[in-house]
């Protein structure tokens, strides 16, 4: 039986603490295909707008605490859709679709992100 464990406390965040935090678990867990990330955004903070057109990675965003606004489509212009997800809700975005994440609420939002080709 093979398994790995990891903790956000043992991983350096790639986002400055003043905006929240973002911890990539893929490497510490030894994942071959699945990317796993914990994202925390303070009120008013936003994630980096992006897509995965080059690698085809789809992503699922699952809200653990707070509320997350996700804008999809419309790269460089108005989004094609906007959804605000609450605790326990998730959205899947395909690799080709541009997405941007926002915390428009009054409390920190925590989101688990899973992605794979």
PDB file of N, CA and C in Angstrom:
ATOM      1  N   UNK A   1       0.854  -1.173   0.000  1.00  0.00           N
ATOM      2  CA  UNK A   1       0.000   0.000   0.000  1.00  0.00           C
ATOM      3  C   UNK A   1       0.900   1.237   0.000  1.00  0.00           C
ATOM      4  N   UNK A   2       0.685   2.132  -0.953  1.00  0.00           N
ATOM      5  CA  UNK A   2       1.478   3.357  -1.039  1.00  0.00           C
ATOM      6  C   UNK A   2       0.576   4.567  -0.827  1.00  0.00           C
ATOM      7  N   UNK A   3       1.058   5.518  -0.044  1.00  0.00           N
ATOM      8  CA  UNK A   3       0.325   6.764   0.137  1.00  0.00           C
ATOM      9  C   UNK A   3       1.296   7.844   0.587  1.00  0.00           C
ATOM     10  N   UNK A   4       0.899   9.097   0.428  1.00  0.00           N
ATOM     11  CA  UNK A   4       1.668  10.257   0.853  1.00  0.00           C
ATOM     12  C   UNK A   4       0.723  11.187   1.601  1.00  0.00           C
ATOM     13  N   UNK A   5       1.240  11.926   2.559  1.00  0.00           N
ATOM     14  CA  UNK A   5       0.470  12.965   3.231  1.00  0.00           C
ATOM     15  C   UNK A   5       1.209  14.291   3.089  1.00  0.00           C
ATOM     16  N   UNK A   6       0.464  15.378   3.192  1.00  0.00           N
ATOM     17  CA  UNK A   6       1.050  16.712   3.120  1.00  0.00           C
ATOM     18  C   UNK A   6       0.163  17.668   3.892  1.00  0.00           C
ATOM     19  N   UNK A   7       0.742  18.763   4.342  1.00  0.00           N
ATOM     20  CA  UNK A   7       0.021  19.785   5.098  1.00  0.00           C
ATOM     21  C   UNK A   7       0.361  21.162   4.540  1.00  0.00           C
ATOM     22  N   UNK A   8      -0.626  22.036   4.486  1.00  0.00           N
ATOM     23  CA  UNK A   8      -0.367  23.407   4.028  1.00  0.00           C
ATOM     24  C   UNK A   8       0.688  24.077   4.900  1.00  0.00           C
ATOM     25  N   UNK A   9       0.774  23.670   6.167  1.00  0.00           N
ATOM     26  CA  UNK A   9       1.777  24.233   7.065  1.00  0.00           C
ATOM     27  C   UNK A   9       3.202  23.876   6.682  1.00  0.00           C
ATOM     28  N   UNK A  10       3.368  22.851   5.860  1.00  0.00           N
ATOM     29  CA  UNK A  10       4.694  22.414   5.429  1.00  0.00           C
ATOM     30  C   UNK A  10       5.034  22.848   4.007  1.00  0.00           C
ATOM     31  N   UNK A  11       4.100  23.550   3.346  1.00  0.00           N
ATOM     32  CA  UNK A  11       4.270  23.960   1.951  1.00  0.00           C
ATOM     33  C   UNK A  11       4.303  25.484   1.900  1.00  0.00           C
ATOM     34  N   UNK A  12       5.228  26.051   1.138  1.00  0.00           N
ATOM     35  CA  UNK A  12       5.282  27.508   0.977  1.00  0.00           C
ATOM     36  C   UNK A  12       4.142  27.974   0.081  1.00  0.00           C
ATOM     37  N   UNK A  13       3.445  29.018   0.513  1.00  0.00           N
ATOM     38  CA  UNK A  13       2.391  29.612  -0.301  1.00  0.00           C
ATOM     39  C   UNK A  13       3.016  30.400  -1.448  1.00  0.00           C
ATOM     40  N   UNK A  14       2.372  30.364  -2.623  1.00  0.00           N
ATOM     41  CA  UNK A  14       2.853  31.128  -3.770  1.00  0.00           C
ATOM     42  C   UNK A  14       2.157  32.484  -3.859  1.00  0.00           C
ATOM     43  N   UNK A  15       1.264  32.764  -2.902  1.00  0.00           N
ATOM     44  CA  UNK A  15       0.542  34.036  -2.839  1.00  0.00           C
ATOM     45  C   UNK A  15       0.959  34.745  -1.553  1.00  0.00           C
ATOM     46  N   UNK A  16       1.248  36.042  -1.621  1.00  0.00           N
ATOM     47  CA  UNK A  16       1.595  36.767  -0.389  1.00  0.00           C
ATOM     48  C   UNK A  16       0.484  36.657   0.656  1.00  0.00           C
ATOM     49  N   UNK A  17       0.878  36.510   1.919  1.00  0.00           N
ATOM     50  CA  UNK A  17      -0.062  36.321   3.015  1.00  0.00           C
ATOM     51  C   UNK A  17      -1.098  37.443   3.097  1.00  0.00           C
ATOM     52  N   UNK A  18      -0.732  38.641   2.673  1.00  0.00           N
ATOM     53  CA  UNK A  18      -1.665  39.769   2.743  1.00  0.00           C
ATOM     54  C   UNK A  18      -2.887  39.584   1.838  1.00  0.00           C
ATOM     55  N   UNK A  19      -2.815  38.684   0.863  1.00  0.00           N
ATOM     56  CA  UNK A  19      -3.942  38.429  -0.036  1.00  0.00           C
ATOM     57  C   UNK A  19      -4.646  37.109   0.268  1.00  0.00           C
ATOM     58  N   UNK A  20      -4.044  36.288   1.116  1.00  0.00           N
ATOM     59  CA  UNK A  20      -4.591  34.967   1.420  1.00  0.00           C
ATOM     60  C   UNK A  20      -3.466  33.954   1.370  1.00  0.00           C
ATOM     61  N   UNK A  21      -3.608  32.952   0.538  1.00  0.00           N
ATOM     62  CA  UNK A  21      -2.562  31.952   0.377  1.00  0.00           C
ATOM     63  C   UNK A  21      -2.939  30.965  -0.703  1.00  0.00           C
ATOM     64  N   UNK A  22      -1.920  30.320  -1.279  1.00  0.00           N
ATOM     65  CA  UNK A  22      -2.149  29.309  -2.307  1.00  0.00           C
ATOM     66  C   UNK A  22      -1.058  28.264  -2.176  1.00  0.00           C
ATOM     67  N   UNK A  23      -1.495  27.034  -1.865  1.00  0.00           N
ATOM     68  CA  UNK A  23      -0.559  25.950  -1.619  1.00  0.00           C
ATOM     69  C   UNK A  23      -0.775  24.842  -2.646  1.00  0.00           C
ATOM     70  N   UNK A  24       0.293  24.503  -3.390  1.00  0.00           N
ATOM     71  CA  UNK A  24       0.243  23.438  -4.387  1.00  0.00           C
ATOM     72  C   UNK A  24       0.633  22.116  -3.727  1.00  0.00           C
ATOM     73  N   UNK A  25      -0.254  21.132  -3.777  1.00  0.00           N
ATOM     74  CA  UNK A  25      -0.031  19.843  -3.124  1.00  0.00           C
ATOM     75  C   UNK A  25       0.470  18.760  -4.076  1.00  0.00           C
ATOM     76  N   UNK A  26       0.468  19.016  -5.372  1.00  0.00           N
ATOM     77  CA  UNK A  26       0.816  17.976  -6.346  1.00  0.00           C
ATOM     78  C   UNK A  26       2.185  17.347  -6.078  1.00  0.00           C
ATOM     79  N   UNK A  27       3.205  18.174  -5.993  1.00  0.00           N
ATOM     80  CA  UNK A  27       4.562  17.657  -5.790  1.00  0.00           C
ATOM     81  C   UNK A  27       4.748  17.033  -4.407  1.00  0.00           C
ATOM     82  N   UNK A  28       4.323  17.718  -3.315  1.00  0.00           N
ATOM     83  CA  UNK A  28       4.507  17.093  -1.994  1.00  0.00           C
ATOM     84  C   UNK A  28       3.787  15.751  -1.848  1.00  0.00           C
ATOM     85  N   UNK A  29       2.674  15.573  -2.567  1.00  0.00           N
ATOM     86  CA  UNK A  29       1.950  14.308  -2.494  1.00  0.00           C
ATOM     87  C   UNK A  29       2.449  13.279  -3.504  1.00  0.00           C
ATOM     88  N   UNK A  30       3.312  13.703  -4.418  1.00  0.00           N
ATOM     89  CA  UNK A  30       3.828  12.788  -5.432  1.00  0.00           C
ATOM     90  C   UNK A  30       2.807  12.419  -6.486  1.00  0.00           C
ATOM     91  N   UNK A  31       1.859  13.317  -6.762  1.00  0.00           N
ATOM     92  CA  UNK A  31       0.823  13.041  -7.774  1.00  0.00           C
ATOM     93  C   UNK A  31       1.434  13.016  -9.170  1.00  0.00           C
ATOM     94  N   UNK A  32       1.034  12.041  -9.967  1.00  0.00           N
ATOM     95  CA  UNK A  32       1.519  11.948 -11.338  1.00  0.00           C
ATOM     96  C   UNK A  32       0.630  12.692 -12.314  1.00  0.00           C
ATOM     97  N   UNK A  33      -0.687  12.689 -12.095  1.00  0.00           N
ATOM     98  CA  UNK A  33      -1.618  13.304 -13.031  1.00  0.00           C
ATOM     99  C   UNK A  33      -2.492  14.388 -12.410  1.00  0.00           C
ATOM    100  N   UNK A  34      -2.842  14.224 -11.156  1.00  0.00           N
ATOM    101  CA  UNK A  34      -3.783  15.120 -10.493  1.00  0.00           C
ATOM    102  C   UNK A  34      -3.056  16.277  -9.833  1.00  0.00           C
ATOM    103  N   UNK A  35      -3.516  17.489 -10.128  1.00  0.00           N
ATOM    104  CA  UNK A  35      -3.045  18.664  -9.408  1.00  0.00           C
ATOM    105  C   UNK A  35      -4.022  18.964  -8.287  1.00  0.00           C
ATOM    106  N   UNK A  36      -3.516  19.309  -7.109  1.00  0.00           N
ATOM    107  CA  UNK A  36      -4.368  19.593  -5.954  1.00  0.00           C
ATOM    108  C   UNK A  36      -3.851  20.861  -5.297  1.00  0.00           C
ATOM    109  N   UNK A  37      -4.736  21.830  -5.089  1.00  0.00           N
ATOM    110  CA  UNK A  37      -4.343  23.129  -4.567  1.00  0.00           C
ATOM    111  C   UNK A  37      -5.339  23.590  -3.517  1.00  0.00           C
ATOM    112  N   UNK A  38      -4.849  24.260  -2.487  1.00  0.00           N
ATOM    113  CA  UNK A  38      -5.694  24.949  -1.525  1.00  0.00           C
ATOM    114  C   UNK A  38      -5.493  26.433  -1.755  1.00  0.00           C
ATOM    115  N   UNK A  39      -6.588  27.154  -1.983  1.00  0.00           N
ATOM    116  CA  UNK A  39      -6.548  28.597  -2.236  1.00  0.00           C
ATOM    117  C   UNK A  39      -7.359  29.305  -1.168  1.00  0.00           C
ATOM    118  N   UNK A  40      -6.782  30.345  -0.580  1.00  0.00           N
ATOM    119  CA  UNK A  40      -7.498  31.212   0.350  1.00  0.00           C
ATOM    120  C   UNK A  40      -7.385  32.636  -0.172  1.00  0.00           C
ATOM    121  N   UNK A  41      -8.526  33.311  -0.277  1.00  0.00           N
ATOM    122  CA  UNK A  41      -8.551  34.701  -0.722  1.00  0.00           C
ATOM    123  C   UNK A  41      -9.224  35.552   0.336  1.00  0.00           C
ATOM    124  N   UNK A  42      -8.565  36.631   0.732  1.00  0.00           N
ATOM    125  CA  UNK A  42      -9.165  37.574   1.662  1.00  0.00           C
ATOM    126  C   UNK A  42     -10.233  38.393   0.938  1.00  0.00           C
ATOM    127  N   UNK A  43     -11.133  39.046   1.674  1.00  0.00           N
ATOM    128  CA  UNK A  43     -12.147  39.891   1.032  1.00  0.00           C
ATOM    129  C   UNK A  43     -11.498  40.903   0.088  1.00  0.00           C
ATOM    130  N   UNK A  44     -12.050  41.017  -1.111  1.00  0.00           N
ATOM    131  CA  UNK A  44     -11.533  41.929  -2.123  1.00  0.00           C
ATOM    132  C   UNK A  44     -10.395  41.371  -2.959  1.00  0.00           C
ATOM    133  N   UNK A  45      -9.872  40.215  -2.594  1.00  0.00           N
ATOM    134  CA  UNK A  45      -8.749  39.631  -3.342  1.00  0.00           C
ATOM    135  C   UNK A  45      -9.261  38.843  -4.547  1.00  0.00           C
ATOM    136  N   UNK A  46      -8.359  38.593  -5.496  1.00  0.00           N
ATOM    137  CA  UNK A  46      -8.722  37.828  -6.690  1.00  0.00           C
ATOM    138  C   UNK A  46      -7.581  36.918  -7.083  1.00  0.00           C
ATOM    139  N   UNK A  47      -7.937  35.860  -7.795  1.00  0.00           N
ATOM    140  CA  UNK A  47      -6.946  34.952  -8.342  1.00  0.00           C
ATOM    141  C   UNK A  47      -6.480  35.447  -9.696  1.00  0.00           C
ATOM    142  N   UNK A  48      -5.441  34.838 -10.209  1.00  0.00           N
ATOM    143  CA  UNK A  48      -4.896  35.204 -11.518  1.00  0.00           C
ATOM    144  C   UNK A  48      -5.822  34.678 -12.620  1.00  0.00           C
ATOM    145  N   UNK A  49      -6.345  35.564 -13.484  1.00  0.00           N
ATOM    146  CA  UNK A  49      -7.151  35.088 -14.612  1.00  0.00           C
ATOM    147  C   UNK A  49      -6.290  34.199 -15.512  1.00  0.00           C
ATOM    148  N   UNK A  50      -6.855  33.063 -15.955  1.00  0.00           N
ATOM    149  CA  UNK A  50      -6.057  32.141 -16.757  1.00  0.00           C
ATOM    150  C   UNK A  50      -6.939  31.115 -17.459  1.00  0.00           C
ATOM    151  N   UNK A  51      -6.305  30.346 -18.322  1.00  0.00           N
ATOM    152  CA  UNK A  51      -6.910  29.145 -18.897  1.00  0.00           C
ATOM    153  C   UNK A  51      -5.813  28.091 -18.968  1.00  0.00           C
ATOM    154  N   UNK A  52      -6.197  26.923 -19.423  1.00  0.00           N
ATOM    155  CA  UNK A  52      -5.219  25.840 -19.582  1.00  0.00           C
ATOM    156  C   UNK A  52      -5.291  25.306 -21.012  1.00  0.00           C
ATOM    157  N   UNK A  53      -5.389  26.225 -21.972  1.00  0.00           N
ATOM    158  CA  UNK A  53      -5.476  25.831 -23.377  1.00  0.00           C
ATOM    159  C   UNK A  53      -4.248  25.038 -23.816  1.00  0.00           C
ATOM    160  N   UNK A  54      -3.083  25.361 -23.267  1.00  0.00           N
ATOM    161  CA  UNK A  54      -1.846  24.685 -23.687  1.00  0.00           C
ATOM    162  C   UNK A  54      -1.757  23.247 -23.199  1.00  0.00           C
ATOM    163  N   UNK A  55      -2.243  22.978 -21.963  1.00  0.00           N
ATOM    164  CA  UNK A  55      -2.105  21.628 -21.426  1.00  0.00           C
ATOM    165  C   UNK A  55      -3.428  20.873 -21.304  1.00  0.00           C
ATOM    166  N   UNK A  56      -4.546  21.533 -21.619  1.00  0.00           N
ATOM    167  CA  UNK A  56      -5.843  20.866 -21.613  1.00  0.00           C
ATOM    168  C   UNK A  56      -6.362  20.479 -20.240  1.00  0.00           C
ATOM    169  N   UNK A  57      -5.790  21.048 -19.191  1.00  0.00           N
ATOM    170  CA  UNK A  57      -6.183  20.661 -17.834  1.00  0.00           C
ATOM    171  C   UNK A  57      -7.543  21.244 -17.456  1.00  0.00           C
ATOM    172  N   UNK A  58      -8.486  20.361 -17.120  1.00  0.00           N
ATOM    173  CA  UNK A  58      -9.747  20.833 -16.564  1.00  0.00           C
ATOM    174  C   UNK A  58      -9.546  21.022 -15.068  1.00  0.00           C
ATOM    175  N   UNK A  59     -10.336  21.922 -14.476  1.00  0.00           N
ATOM    176  CA  UNK A  59     -10.221  22.171 -13.048  1.00  0.00           C
ATOM    177  C   UNK A  59     -11.593  22.160 -12.404  1.00  0.00           C
ATOM    178  N   UNK A  60     -11.628  21.685 -11.150  1.00  0.00           N
ATOM    179  CA  UNK A  60     -12.832  21.744 -10.324  1.00  0.00           C
ATOM    180  C   UNK A  60     -12.491  22.609  -9.124  1.00  0.00           C
ATOM    181  N   UNK A  61     -13.351  23.582  -8.851  1.00  0.00           N
ATOM    182  CA  UNK A  61     -13.203  24.474  -7.709  1.00  0.00           C
ATOM    183  C   UNK A  61     -14.310  24.132  -6.719  1.00  0.00           C
ATOM    184  N   UNK A  62     -13.936  23.700  -5.510  1.00  0.00           N
ATOM    185  CA  UNK A  62     -14.878  23.334  -4.460  1.00  0.00           C
ATOM    186  C   UNK A  62     -14.707  24.300  -3.294  1.00  0.00           C
ATOM    187  N   UNK A  63     -15.764  25.048  -2.978  1.00  0.00           N
ATOM    188  CA  UNK A  63     -15.701  26.029  -1.897  1.00  0.00           C
ATOM    189  C   UNK A  63     -15.851  25.309  -0.558  1.00  0.00           C
ATOM    190  N   UNK A  64     -14.874  25.511   0.321  1.00  0.00           N
ATOM    191  CA  UNK A  64     -14.881  24.904   1.647  1.00  0.00           C
ATOM    192  C   UNK A  64     -15.463  25.887   2.669  1.00  0.00           C
ATOM    193  N   UNK A  65     -15.076  27.151   2.595  1.00  0.00           N
ATOM    194  CA  UNK A  65     -15.580  28.208   3.478  1.00  0.00           C
ATOM    195  C   UNK A  65     -15.772  29.476   2.668  1.00  0.00           C
ATOM    196  N   UNK A  66     -16.809  30.248   2.999  1.00  0.00           N
ATOM    197  CA  UNK A  66     -17.026  31.533   2.356  1.00  0.00           C
ATOM    198  C   UNK A  66     -17.771  31.407   1.041  1.00  0.00           C
ATOM    199  N   UNK A  67     -17.602  32.419   0.193  1.00  0.00           N
ATOM    200  CA  UNK A  67     -18.259  32.461  -1.112  1.00  0.00           C
ATOM    201  C   UNK A  67     -17.234  32.892  -2.162  1.00  0.00           C
ATOM    202  N   UNK A  68     -17.238  32.220  -3.301  1.00  0.00           N
ATOM    203  CA  UNK A  68     -16.296  32.472  -4.388  1.00  0.00           C
ATOM    204  C   UNK A  68     -17.064  32.853  -5.637  1.00  0.00           C
ATOM    205  N   UNK A  69     -16.695  33.979  -6.244  1.00  0.00           N
ATOM    206  CA  UNK A  69     -17.274  34.374  -7.523  1.00  0.00           C
ATOM    207  C   UNK A  69     -16.332  33.909  -8.627  1.00  0.00           C
ATOM    208  N   UNK A  70     -16.894  33.176  -9.602  1.00  0.00           N
ATOM    209  CA  UNK A  70     -16.119  32.644 -10.717  1.00  0.00           C
ATOM    210  C   UNK A  70     -16.685  33.243 -11.999  1.00  0.00           C
ATOM    211  N   UNK A  71     -15.829  33.878 -12.775  1.00  0.00           N
ATOM    212  CA  UNK A  71     -16.223  34.416 -14.085  1.00  0.00           C
ATOM    213  C   UNK A  71     -15.550  33.554 -15.143  1.00  0.00           C
ATOM    214  N   UNK A  72     -16.337  33.036 -16.071  1.00  0.00           N
ATOM    215  CA  UNK A  72     -15.806  32.146 -17.098  1.00  0.00           C
ATOM    216  C   UNK A  72     -16.072  32.688 -18.490  1.00  0.00           C
ATOM    217  N   UNK A  73     -15.142  32.385 -19.416  1.00  0.00           N
ATOM    218  CA  UNK A  73     -15.253  32.815 -20.800  1.00  0.00           C
ATOM    219  C   UNK A  73     -14.885  34.279 -20.954  1.00  0.00           C
ATOM    220  N   UNK A  74     -14.907  34.726 -22.188  1.00  0.00           N
ATOM    221  CA  UNK A  74     -14.702  36.142 -22.481  1.00  0.00           C
ATOM    222  C   UNK A  74     -13.323  36.672 -22.141  1.00  0.00           C
ATOM    223  N   UNK A  75     -12.278  35.946 -22.500  1.00  0.00           N
ATOM    224  CA  UNK A  75     -10.916  36.387 -22.210  1.00  0.00           C
ATOM    225  C   UNK A  75     -10.697  37.817 -22.706  1.00  0.00           C
ATOM    226  N   UNK A  76     -10.205  38.677 -21.798  1.00  0.00           N
ATOM    227  CA  UNK A  76      -9.898  40.058 -22.159  1.00  0.00           C
ATOM    228  C   UNK A  76     -11.113  40.958 -22.264  1.00  0.00           C
ATOM    229  N   UNK A  77     -12.298  40.451 -22.045  1.00  0.00           N
ATOM    230  CA  UNK A  77     -13.504  41.260 -22.115  1.00  0.00           C
ATOM    231  C   UNK A  77     -14.492  40.837 -21.060  1.00  0.00           C
ATOM    232  N   UNK A  78     -15.757  41.053 -21.352  1.00  0.00           N
ATOM    233  CA  UNK A  78     -16.790  40.648 -20.401  1.00  0.00           C
ATOM    234  C   UNK A  78     -16.896  39.131 -20.348  1.00  0.00           C
ATOM    235  N   UNK A  79     -17.069  38.579 -19.157  1.00  0.00           N
ATOM    236  CA  UNK A  79     -17.216  37.125 -19.050  1.00  0.00           C
ATOM    237  C   UNK A  79     -18.522  36.656 -19.679  1.00  0.00           C
ATOM    238  N   UNK A  80     -18.523  35.416 -20.146  1.00  0.00           N
ATOM    239  CA  UNK A  80     -19.740  34.835 -20.714  1.00  0.00           C
ATOM    240  C   UNK A  80     -20.712  34.415 -19.622  1.00  0.00           C
ATOM    241  N   UNK A  81     -20.167  34.091 -18.438  1.00  0.00           N
ATOM    242  CA  UNK A  81     -21.004  33.674 -17.310  1.00  0.00           C
ATOM    243  C   UNK A  81     -20.304  34.037 -16.007  1.00  0.00           C
ATOM    244  N   UNK A  82     -21.110  34.253 -14.977  1.00  0.00           N
ATOM    245  CA  UNK A  82     -20.584  34.516 -13.647  1.00  0.00           C
ATOM    246  C   UNK A  82     -21.420  33.746 -12.648  1.00  0.00           C
ATOM    247  N   UNK A  83     -20.751  33.025 -11.753  1.00  0.00           N
ATOM    248  CA  UNK A  83     -21.438  32.249 -10.715  1.00  0.00           C
ATOM    249  C   UNK A  83     -20.795  32.551  -9.382  1.00  0.00           C
ATOM    250  N   UNK A  84     -21.596  32.706  -8.351  1.00  0.00           N
ATOM    251  CA  UNK A  84     -21.088  32.822  -7.000  1.00  0.00           C
ATOM    252  C   UNK A  84     -21.420  31.525  -6.282  1.00  0.00           C
ATOM    253  N   UNK A  85     -20.376  30.850  -5.816  1.00  0.00           N
ATOM    254  CA  UNK A  85     -20.512  29.555  -5.160  1.00  0.00           C
ATOM    255  C   UNK A  85     -20.384  29.719  -3.657  1.00  0.00           C
ATOM    256  N   UNK A  86     -21.214  29.018  -2.926  1.00  0.00           N
ATOM    257  CA  UNK A  86     -21.172  29.016  -1.467  1.00  0.00           C
ATOM    258  C   UNK A  86     -20.527  27.728  -0.982  1.00  0.00           C
ATOM    259  N   UNK A  87     -20.330  27.650   0.331  1.00  0.00           N
ATOM    260  CA  UNK A  87     -19.736  26.477   0.960  1.00  0.00           C
ATOM    261  C   UNK A  87     -20.405  25.191   0.486  1.00  0.00           C
ATOM    262  N   UNK A  88     -19.593  24.231   0.059  1.00  0.00           N
ATOM    263  CA  UNK A  88     -20.098  22.944  -0.402  1.00  0.00           C
ATOM    264  C   UNK A  88     -20.474  22.905  -1.870  1.00  0.00           C
ATOM    265  N   UNK A  89     -20.361  24.020  -2.583  1.00  0.00           N
ATOM    266  CA  UNK A  89     -20.678  24.044  -4.015  1.00  0.00           C
ATOM    267  C   UNK A  89     -19.394  24.001  -4.836  1.00  0.00           C
ATOM    268  N   UNK A  90     -19.506  23.461  -6.050  1.00  0.00           N
ATOM    269  CA  UNK A  90     -18.345  23.301  -6.922  1.00  0.00           C
ATOM    270  C   UNK A  90     -18.708  23.664  -8.356  1.00  0.00           C
ATOM    271  N   UNK A  91     -17.676  23.985  -9.131  1.00  0.00           N
ATOM    272  CA  UNK A  91     -17.820  24.240 -10.562  1.00  0.00           C
ATOM    273  C   UNK A  91     -16.639  23.575 -11.262  1.00  0.00           C
ATOM    274  N   UNK A  92     -16.899  22.987 -12.445  1.00  0.00           N
ATOM    275  CA  UNK A  92     -15.847  22.423 -13.295  1.00  0.00           C
ATOM    276  C   UNK A  92     -15.677  23.333 -14.496  1.00  0.00           C
ATOM    277  N   UNK A  93     -14.421  23.627 -14.825  1.00  0.00           N
ATOM    278  CA  UNK A  93     -14.116  24.482 -15.974  1.00  0.00           C
ATOM    279  C   UNK A  93     -13.153  23.717 -16.872  1.00  0.00           C
ATOM    280  N   UNK A  94     -13.493  23.610 -18.170  1.00  0.00           N
ATOM    281  CA  UNK A  94     -12.599  22.874 -19.066  1.00  0.00           C
ATOM    282  C   UNK A  94     -11.344  23.686 -19.366  1.00  0.00           C
ATOM    283  N   UNK A  95     -10.345  23.018 -19.898  1.00  0.00           N
ATOM    284  CA  UNK A  95      -9.047  23.634 -20.115  1.00  0.00           C
ATOM    285  C   UNK A  95      -9.052  24.838 -21.038  1.00  0.00           C
ATOM    286  N   UNK A  96      -9.891  24.813 -22.045  1.00  0.00           N
ATOM    287  CA  UNK A  96      -9.928  25.888 -23.041  1.00  0.00           C
ATOM    288  C   UNK A  96     -10.603  27.159 -22.525  1.00  0.00           C
ATOM    289  N   UNK A  97     -11.375  27.056 -21.478  1.00  0.00           N
ATOM    290  CA  UNK A  97     -12.190  28.178 -21.009  1.00  0.00           C
ATOM    291  C   UNK A  97     -11.408  29.081 -20.051  1.00  0.00           C
ATOM    292  N   UNK A  98     -11.412  30.371 -20.352  1.00  0.00           N
ATOM    293  CA  UNK A  98     -10.771  31.362 -19.494  1.00  0.00           C
ATOM    294  C   UNK A  98     -11.586  31.494 -18.216  1.00  0.00           C
ATOM    295  N   UNK A  99     -10.876  31.645 -17.066  1.00  0.00           N
ATOM    296  CA  UNK A  99     -11.572  31.782 -15.794  1.00  0.00           C
ATOM    297  C   UNK A  99     -10.849  32.782 -14.902  1.00  0.00           C
ATOM    298  N   UNK A 100     -11.633  33.431 -14.027  1.00  0.00           N
ATOM    299  CA  UNK A 100     -11.088  34.366 -13.050  1.00  0.00           C
ATOM    300  C   UNK A 100     -11.870  34.179 -11.752  1.00  0.00           C
ATOM    301  N   UNK A 101     -11.160  34.212 -10.620  1.00  0.00           N
ATOM    302  CA  UNK A 101     -11.743  33.961  -9.305  1.00  0.00           C
ATOM    303  C   UNK A 101     -11.691  35.230  -8.461  1.00  0.00           C
ATOM    304  N   UNK A 102     -12.764  35.480  -7.706  1.00  0.00           N
ATOM    305  CA  UNK A 102     -12.858  36.685  -6.891  1.00  0.00           C
ATOM    306  C   UNK A 102     -13.506  36.376  -5.548  1.00  0.00           C
ATOM    307  N   UNK A 103     -13.040  37.064  -4.513  1.00  0.00           N
ATOM    308  CA  UNK A 103     -13.722  37.039  -3.224  1.00  0.00           C
ATOM    309  C   UNK A 103     -14.390  38.396  -3.065  1.00  0.00           C
ATOM    310  N   UNK A 104     -15.675  38.447  -3.337  1.00  0.00           N
ATOM    311  CA  UNK A 104     -16.433  39.686  -3.221  1.00  0.00           C
ATOM    312  C   UNK A 104     -17.200  39.742  -1.907  1.00  0.00           C
ATOM    313  N   UNK A 105     -16.951  38.759  -1.030  1.00  0.00           N
ATOM    314  CA  UNK A 105     -17.636  38.686   0.251  1.00  0.00           C
ATOM    315  C   UNK A 105     -16.890  39.432   1.347  1.00  0.00           C
ATOM    316  N   UNK A 106     -17.378  39.268   2.579  1.00  0.00           N
ATOM    317  CA  UNK A 106     -16.812  39.954   3.739  1.00  0.00           C
ATOM    318  C   UNK A 106     -15.889  39.072   4.572  1.00  0.00           C
ATOM    319  N   UNK A 107     -15.727  37.806   4.191  1.00  0.00           N
ATOM    320  CA  UNK A 107     -14.860  36.907   4.944  1.00  0.00           C
ATOM    321  C   UNK A 107     -13.945  36.156   3.991  1.00  0.00           C
ATOM    322  N   UNK A 108     -12.886  35.592   4.530  1.00  0.00           N
ATOM    323  CA  UNK A 108     -11.924  34.830   3.720  1.00  0.00           C
ATOM    324  C   UNK A 108     -12.629  33.637   3.100  1.00  0.00           C
ATOM    325  N   UNK A 109     -12.314  33.352   1.851  1.00  0.00           N
ATOM    326  CA  UNK A 109     -12.852  32.176   1.171  1.00  0.00           C
ATOM    327  C   UNK A 109     -11.744  31.142   1.055  1.00  0.00           C
ATOM    328  N   UNK A 110     -12.113  29.871   1.287  1.00  0.00           N
ATOM    329  CA  UNK A 110     -11.177  28.747   1.135  1.00  0.00           C
ATOM    330  C   UNK A 110     -11.742  27.830   0.054  1.00  0.00           C
ATOM    331  N   UNK A 111     -10.872  27.500  -0.904  1.00  0.00           N
ATOM    332  CA  UNK A 111     -11.289  26.717  -2.061  1.00  0.00           C
ATOM    333  C   UNK A 111     -10.284  25.595  -2.306  1.00  0.00           C
ATOM    334  N   UNK A 112     -10.773  24.398  -2.532  1.00  0.00           N
ATOM    335  CA  UNK A 112      -9.920  23.294  -2.956  1.00  0.00           C
ATOM    336  C   UNK A 112     -10.047  23.198  -4.474  1.00  0.00           C
ATOM    337  N   UNK A 113      -8.897  23.149  -5.144  1.00  0.00           N
ATOM    338  CA  UNK A 113      -8.865  23.073  -6.606  1.00  0.00           C
ATOM    339  C   UNK A 113      -8.224  21.742  -6.999  1.00  0.00           C
ATOM    340  N   UNK A 114      -8.922  20.986  -7.830  1.00  0.00           N
ATOM    341  CA  UNK A 114      -8.381  19.741  -8.375  1.00  0.00           C
ATOM    342  C   UNK A 114      -8.315  19.900  -9.888  1.00  0.00           C
ATOM    343  N   UNK A 115      -7.206  19.500 -10.482  1.00  0.00           N
ATOM    344  CA  UNK A 115      -7.057  19.612 -11.924  1.00  0.00           C
ATOM    345  C   UNK A 115      -6.286  18.448 -12.496  1.00  0.00           C
ATOM    346  N   UNK A 116      -6.675  18.050 -13.705  1.00  0.00           N
ATOM    347  CA  UNK A 116      -5.983  16.975 -14.403  1.00  0.00           C
ATOM    348  C   UNK A 116      -6.246  17.098 -15.891  1.00  0.00           C
ATOM    349  N   UNK A 117      -5.314  16.576 -16.689  1.00  0.00           N
ATOM    350  CA  UNK A 117      -5.543  16.589 -18.140  1.00  0.00           C
ATOM    351  C   UNK A 117      -6.666  15.653 -18.526  1.00  0.00           C
TER     352      UNK A 117
END
